[in-house]
Amino acid sequence: MRRWQELHVLVPRKLAGPLGKELMALGALGVQEAHPPGFKPRYRQPWDQGPTQRPPRQVLLKAWFDQKPPPARLGTLLGSVEPSWRECAEEDWSESWKQHFGVLHVSEELVVAPPWDAPPGALVMEPGMAFGTGNHPTTLACLRAVARYARPGHRLLDVGCGTGILALAGAKLGMTAVGVDIDPEAITEARRHADRNGLAAAVSFSVTPIEQVNGSFDLVVANLFAEVLSGMAPELLSRAAGPIALAGILEERAPPVRAAFASRPILEDHTDEGWVSLVIGGPCGP
């Protein structure tokens, strides 16, 4: 197995680029700029206001070598800056990434699994797109809500369906499901998953806007940003004849979502790893 020597060094941000080029000239196989230890980046969202976060003054520069370069030459580049080293081994990424996607037992009736480890009767989801396999806390919260509230023969609406996992979970439990999303590629993936699981007759996916979705649904699920859920509340409420399961809500942004759905009781309100999930009651109760 091939092994590399990995160099770590903290340098002023303005020197990171020139130093990276010098390390490549010294024999580095690759160079990467990373955040310094302890720095927590805040990724700006379209709805954020106010000043942006200032970048840190220092950069953690990483470089990989087959062998450590001569100390004298490296010292000439770094001066008084002290580097650290660690040895790292080559990894078979084509296989090792699969360990992050195991069998997910949502309930006795609902099991989600990747194709290489799927037990009989499982909903098979192939990783590929974000939130596609149920491993994220927001998706898992909605899956659990589907498992609790699904009733055979009832109708489910999945708004922002992505890969279709929530609509497919409802169909797997005997519901007739409709999934909508603004991303045509997501719809293509969702339909492929429906075919793979033999559920194409029980679920339909399209880019139909929520305003054009007709009828009412016994269960509505939406795993979207808090701001999107708040703005979409009237449309979701008007189509929900039963519970509404909501997720994708950052904890600090949950109050406006609760307020937007205040016309109905909150049946469930959970927080997991900083993400809030809610289940809103139907117009006549759960």
Protein backbone atom coordinates (compact mmCIF):
# COMPACT_ATOMS: atom_id res chain seq x y z
CA MET A 1 0.00 0.00 0.00
CA ARG A 2 1.38 3.38 -0.99
CA ARG A 3 2.10 5.90 1.80
CA TRP A 4 2.71 9.65 1.77
CA GLN A 5 4.30 12.18 4.10
CA GLU A 6 1.77 14.92 4.89
CA LEU A 7 3.06 18.33 5.93
CA HIS A 8 0.97 20.79 7.99
CA VAL A 9 2.04 24.39 8.48
CA LEU A 10 0.20 27.53 9.63
CA VAL A 11 1.05 30.55 7.49
CA PRO A 12 -0.34 34.07 6.94
CA ARG A 13 -3.12 33.99 4.37
CA LYS A 14 -1.30 36.25 1.91
CA LEU A 15 1.67 33.86 1.85
CA ALA A 16 -0.32 30.65 1.31
CA GLY A 17 -0.45 30.91 -2.49
CA PRO A 18 3.25 31.68 -3.10
CA LEU A 19 4.35 29.10 -0.51
CA GLY A 20 2.13 26.46 -2.09
CA LYS A 21 3.87 27.00 -5.43
CA GLU A 22 7.27 26.72 -3.73
CA LEU A 23 6.25 23.44 -2.08
CA MET A 24 5.17 22.05 -5.45
CA ALA A 25 8.55 23.04 -6.89
CA LEU A 26 10.15 21.24 -3.94
CA GLY A 27 8.43 18.00 -4.96
CA ALA A 28 5.02 18.11 -3.34
CA LEU A 29 2.44 15.88 -5.05
CA GLY A 30 -0.38 18.21 -4.03
CA VAL A 31 -1.11 21.25 -1.86
CA GLN A 32 -4.33 22.23 -0.06
CA GLU A 33 -5.40 25.33 1.86
CA ALA A 34 -7.64 24.63 4.88
CA HIS A 35 -9.15 26.54 7.78
CA PRO A 36 -6.87 26.82 10.82
CA PRO A 37 -7.73 24.74 13.91
CA GLY A 38 -10.56 26.24 15.96
CA PHE A 39 -11.99 28.37 13.14
CA LYS A 40 -15.68 27.70 12.51
CA PRO A 41 -16.80 28.98 9.11
CA ARG A 42 -20.30 30.36 8.74
CA TYR A 43 -21.61 29.60 5.29
CA ARG A 44 -23.75 32.46 4.08
CA GLN A 45 -27.25 31.60 2.92
CA PRO A 46 -29.30 33.63 0.41
CA TRP A 47 -31.51 35.00 3.21
CA ASP A 48 -28.65 36.07 5.52
CA GLN A 49 -28.22 39.78 6.15
CA GLY A 50 -25.45 41.91 7.60
CA PRO A 51 -21.70 41.70 7.13
CA THR A 52 -20.03 38.54 5.95
CA GLN A 53 -17.64 36.61 8.19
CA ARG A 54 -14.05 37.74 7.96
CA PRO A 55 -11.65 35.05 6.78
CA PRO A 56 -9.00 33.97 9.30
CA ARG A 57 -5.63 35.67 9.10
CA GLN A 58 -3.86 32.34 8.94
CA VAL A 59 -4.27 29.36 6.64
CA LEU A 60 -3.46 25.73 7.40
CA LEU A 61 -1.38 24.67 4.43
CA LYS A 62 -1.17 20.94 3.71
CA ALA A 63 1.24 19.31 1.27
CA TRP A 64 1.93 15.68 0.38
CA PHE A 65 5.32 14.19 -0.49
CA ASP A 66 6.60 10.74 -1.38
CA GLN A 67 9.49 11.51 0.96
CA LYS A 68 10.22 14.40 3.28
CA PRO A 69 12.26 17.07 1.48
CA PRO A 70 15.72 17.96 2.83
CA PRO A 71 15.31 19.91 6.12
CA ALA A 72 17.65 22.65 4.95
CA ARG A 73 15.63 23.37 1.79
CA LEU A 74 12.35 23.26 3.68
CA GLY A 75 13.77 25.50 6.39
CA THR A 76 14.76 28.04 3.76
CA LEU A 77 11.13 28.21 2.63
CA LEU A 78 9.45 28.25 6.03
CA GLY A 79 11.97 30.25 8.03
CA SER A 80 11.02 30.18 11.71
CA VAL A 81 7.62 28.58 11.07
CA GLU A 82 7.60 25.06 12.52
CA PRO A 83 5.87 22.39 10.38
CA SER A 84 4.33 19.15 11.57
CA TRP A 85 4.30 15.82 9.75
CA ARG A 86 2.15 12.72 9.66
CA GLU A 87 2.20 9.62 7.54
CA CYS A 88 -0.95 8.79 5.59
CA ALA A 89 -1.83 5.70 3.61
CA GLU A 90 -3.51 5.35 0.24
CA GLU A 91 -7.20 4.53 0.51
CA ASP A 92 -9.47 2.80 -1.96
CA TRP A 93 -12.10 5.55 -2.18
CA SER A 94 -14.10 3.57 -4.73
CA GLU A 95 -15.01 1.17 -1.91
CA SER A 96 -14.29 2.88 1.43
CA TRP A 97 -17.04 5.52 1.00
CA LYS A 98 -19.62 2.75 1.17
CA GLN A 99 -19.00 2.25 4.91
CA HIS A 100 -20.89 5.50 5.56
CA PHE A 101 -24.12 4.08 4.10
CA GLY A 102 -25.37 1.12 6.09
CA VAL A 103 -28.78 -0.45 6.60
CA LEU A 104 -31.20 1.96 8.28
CA HIS A 105 -33.98 0.38 10.37
CA VAL A 106 -36.60 3.14 10.57
CA SER A 107 -39.32 0.86 11.96
CA GLU A 108 -40.30 -2.80 11.87
CA GLU A 109 -42.03 -2.21 8.54
CA LEU A 110 -39.59 0.25 6.97
CA VAL A 111 -35.92 -0.50 6.28
CA VAL A 112 -33.77 1.65 3.97
CA ALA A 113 -30.55 0.20 2.57
CA PRO A 114 -27.94 0.73 -0.16
CA PRO A 115 -27.97 -1.78 -3.03
CA TRP A 116 -24.80 -3.59 -1.87
CA ASP A 117 -26.23 -4.37 1.59
CA ALA A 118 -30.01 -4.56 1.12
CA PRO A 119 -31.97 -7.19 3.06
CA PRO A 120 -35.14 -8.62 1.48
CA GLY A 121 -38.02 -6.14 1.52
CA ALA A 122 -35.86 -3.06 2.08
CA LEU A 123 -36.35 0.24 0.28
CA VAL A 124 -33.19 0.37 -1.84
CA MET A 125 -31.65 3.83 -2.24
CA GLU A 126 -28.39 4.36 -4.09
CA PRO A 127 -26.26 7.18 -2.63
CA GLY A 128 -25.50 9.96 -5.03
CA MET A 129 -27.38 13.14 -4.24
CA ALA A 130 -27.53 15.01 -0.94
CA PHE A 131 -30.01 13.77 1.66
CA GLY A 132 -30.67 10.79 -0.56
CA THR A 133 -30.26 7.82 1.76
CA GLY A 134 -31.86 8.76 5.08
CA ASN A 135 -28.63 9.19 7.02
CA HIS A 136 -28.99 12.94 7.63
CA PRO A 137 -30.95 13.88 10.80
CA THR A 138 -33.51 15.88 8.79
CA THR A 139 -34.29 13.02 6.40
CA LEU A 140 -34.37 10.50 9.22
CA ALA A 141 -36.86 12.64 11.16
CA CYS A 142 -39.22 12.71 8.16
CA LEU A 143 -38.78 8.98 7.57
CA ARG A 144 -39.78 8.28 11.14
CA ALA A 145 -42.82 10.52 10.73
CA VAL A 146 -43.81 8.65 7.57
CA ALA A 147 -43.42 5.33 9.41
CA ARG A 148 -45.68 6.58 12.24
CA TYR A 149 -48.42 8.22 10.21
CA ALA A 150 -48.57 6.19 7.00
CA ARG A 151 -51.81 4.30 6.42
CA PRO A 152 -52.36 1.90 3.50
CA GLY A 153 -54.61 3.44 0.88
CA HIS A 154 -54.03 7.00 2.09
CA ARG A 155 -52.35 9.75 0.06
CA LEU A 156 -48.94 11.33 0.74
CA LEU A 157 -47.45 14.53 -0.69
CA ASP A 158 -43.66 14.98 -0.58
CA VAL A 159 -42.71 18.61 -1.27
CA GLY A 160 -39.09 19.07 -2.31
CA CYS A 161 -38.80 15.33 -2.81
CA GLY A 162 -35.17 15.19 -3.99
CA THR A 163 -34.25 11.55 -4.63
CA GLY A 164 -37.78 10.57 -3.61
CA ILE A 165 -36.92 8.69 -0.44
CA LEU A 166 -39.87 10.02 1.61
CA ALA A 167 -42.49 9.50 -1.09
CA LEU A 168 -41.07 6.03 -1.76
CA ALA A 169 -41.15 5.20 1.93
CA GLY A 170 -44.84 6.09 2.00
CA ALA A 171 -45.47 3.99 -1.11
CA LYS A 172 -43.56 1.11 0.46
CA LEU A 173 -45.98 1.32 3.40
CA GLY A 174 -49.02 1.14 1.13
CA MET A 175 -49.73 4.80 0.44
CA THR A 176 -50.30 6.49 -2.91
CA ALA A 177 -47.59 9.14 -3.10
CA VAL A 178 -46.88 12.30 -5.07
CA GLY A 179 -43.43 13.91 -5.05
CA VAL A 180 -42.60 17.36 -6.44
CA ASP A 181 -39.31 19.21 -6.76
CA ILE A 182 -37.97 22.18 -8.71
CA ASP A 183 -34.88 20.22 -9.83
CA PRO A 184 -35.45 18.08 -12.96
CA GLU A 185 -32.35 15.99 -12.21
CA ALA A 186 -33.74 15.11 -8.79
CA ILE A 187 -36.99 14.00 -10.41
CA THR A 188 -35.05 11.77 -12.80
CA GLU A 189 -33.28 10.15 -9.84
CA ALA A 190 -36.54 9.74 -7.94
CA ARG A 191 -38.20 7.99 -10.88
CA ARG A 192 -35.20 5.70 -11.25
CA HIS A 193 -35.48 4.74 -7.57
CA ALA A 194 -39.21 4.12 -8.01
CA ASP A 195 -38.53 1.75 -10.90
CA ARG A 196 -35.76 -0.01 -9.02
CA ASN A 197 -38.05 -0.66 -6.05
CA GLY A 198 -41.06 -1.68 -8.11
CA LEU A 199 -43.07 1.30 -6.83
CA ALA A 200 -43.63 3.26 -10.05
CA ALA A 201 -47.36 2.45 -10.02
CA ALA A 202 -47.79 3.81 -6.50
CA VAL A 203 -45.85 7.07 -6.74
CA SER A 204 -45.52 9.89 -9.26
CA PHE A 205 -42.75 12.49 -9.43
CA SER A 206 -42.76 15.80 -11.30
CA VAL A 207 -41.60 19.42 -11.28
CA THR A 208 -45.19 20.60 -10.74
CA PRO A 209 -45.18 23.76 -8.54
CA ILE A 210 -46.90 23.29 -5.20
CA GLU A 211 -49.47 25.90 -6.26
CA GLN A 212 -50.57 23.57 -9.07
CA VAL A 213 -50.78 20.36 -7.05
CA ASN A 214 -54.44 19.38 -6.90
CA GLY A 215 -56.35 17.63 -4.16
CA SER A 216 -55.76 17.02 -0.46
CA PHE A 217 -53.40 14.57 1.20
CA ASP A 218 -53.60 12.52 4.38
CA LEU A 219 -49.90 13.14 5.09
CA VAL A 220 -47.66 15.95 3.85
CA VAL A 221 -43.88 15.92 4.28
CA ALA A 222 -41.42 18.71 3.47
CA ASN A 223 -37.70 18.60 4.21
CA LEU A 224 -36.70 22.15 3.25
CA PHE A 225 -35.04 25.27 4.65
CA ALA A 226 -36.91 27.12 7.40
CA GLU A 227 -37.45 30.20 5.25
CA VAL A 228 -38.93 28.13 2.43
CA LEU A 229 -41.24 26.28 4.82
CA SER A 230 -42.47 29.54 6.38
CA GLY A 231 -43.28 31.04 2.99
CA MET A 232 -44.92 27.84 1.79
CA ALA A 233 -47.05 27.35 4.90
CA PRO A 234 -50.40 28.45 3.34
CA GLU A 235 -49.95 26.02 0.44
CA LEU A 236 -48.96 23.12 2.70
CA LEU A 237 -51.80 23.76 5.14
CA SER A 238 -54.40 23.98 2.38
CA ARG A 239 -53.40 20.58 1.00
CA ALA A 240 -53.01 18.73 4.30
CA ALA A 241 -56.07 16.78 5.42
CA GLY A 242 -53.85 15.18 8.08
CA PRO A 243 -50.44 15.70 9.69
CA ILE A 244 -47.62 17.74 8.15
CA ALA A 245 -44.07 16.55 8.88
CA LEU A 246 -41.47 19.32 8.54
CA ALA A 247 -37.67 19.12 8.72
CA GLY A 248 -34.55 20.89 7.45
CA ILE A 249 -35.01 23.61 10.08
CA LEU A 250 -31.92 25.01 11.81
CA GLU A 251 -32.61 25.38 15.53
CA GLU A 252 -32.13 29.16 15.59
CA ARG A 253 -34.55 29.56 12.66
CA ALA A 254 -37.35 27.41 14.04
CA PRO A 255 -39.54 30.11 15.73
CA PRO A 256 -40.81 31.64 12.44
CA VAL A 257 -41.73 28.16 11.19
CA ARG A 258 -43.71 27.40 14.34
CA ALA A 259 -45.46 30.76 13.97
CA ALA A 260 -46.30 30.13 10.30
CA PHE A 261 -48.12 26.90 11.24
CA ALA A 262 -49.66 28.21 14.47
CA SER A 263 -53.21 27.72 13.18
CA ARG A 264 -52.83 24.00 13.94
CA PRO A 265 -51.42 22.19 16.98
CA ILE A 266 -47.83 20.97 17.05
CA LEU A 267 -47.92 17.24 17.71
CA GLU A 268 -44.14 16.72 17.78
CA ASP A 269 -41.21 19.08 18.21
CA HIS A 270 -37.73 17.48 18.25
CA THR A 271 -34.16 18.76 17.95
CA ASP A 272 -31.29 16.56 16.76
CA GLU A 273 -27.76 17.84 16.10
CA GLY A 274 -29.05 21.40 15.79
CA TRP A 275 -31.86 20.47 13.37
CA VAL A 276 -35.52 20.86 14.36
CA SER A 277 -38.28 18.62 13.06
CA LEU A 278 -41.99 19.29 13.59
CA VAL A 279 -45.21 17.39 13.05
CA ILE A 280 -48.21 19.68 12.65
CA GLY A 281 -51.66 18.25 13.40
CA GLY A 282 -54.42 17.94 10.83
CA PRO A 283 -57.41 20.30 10.66
CA CYS A 284 -59.43 17.92 12.83
CA GLY A 285 -56.62 16.54 14.98
CA PRO A 286 -53.81 14.02 14.31
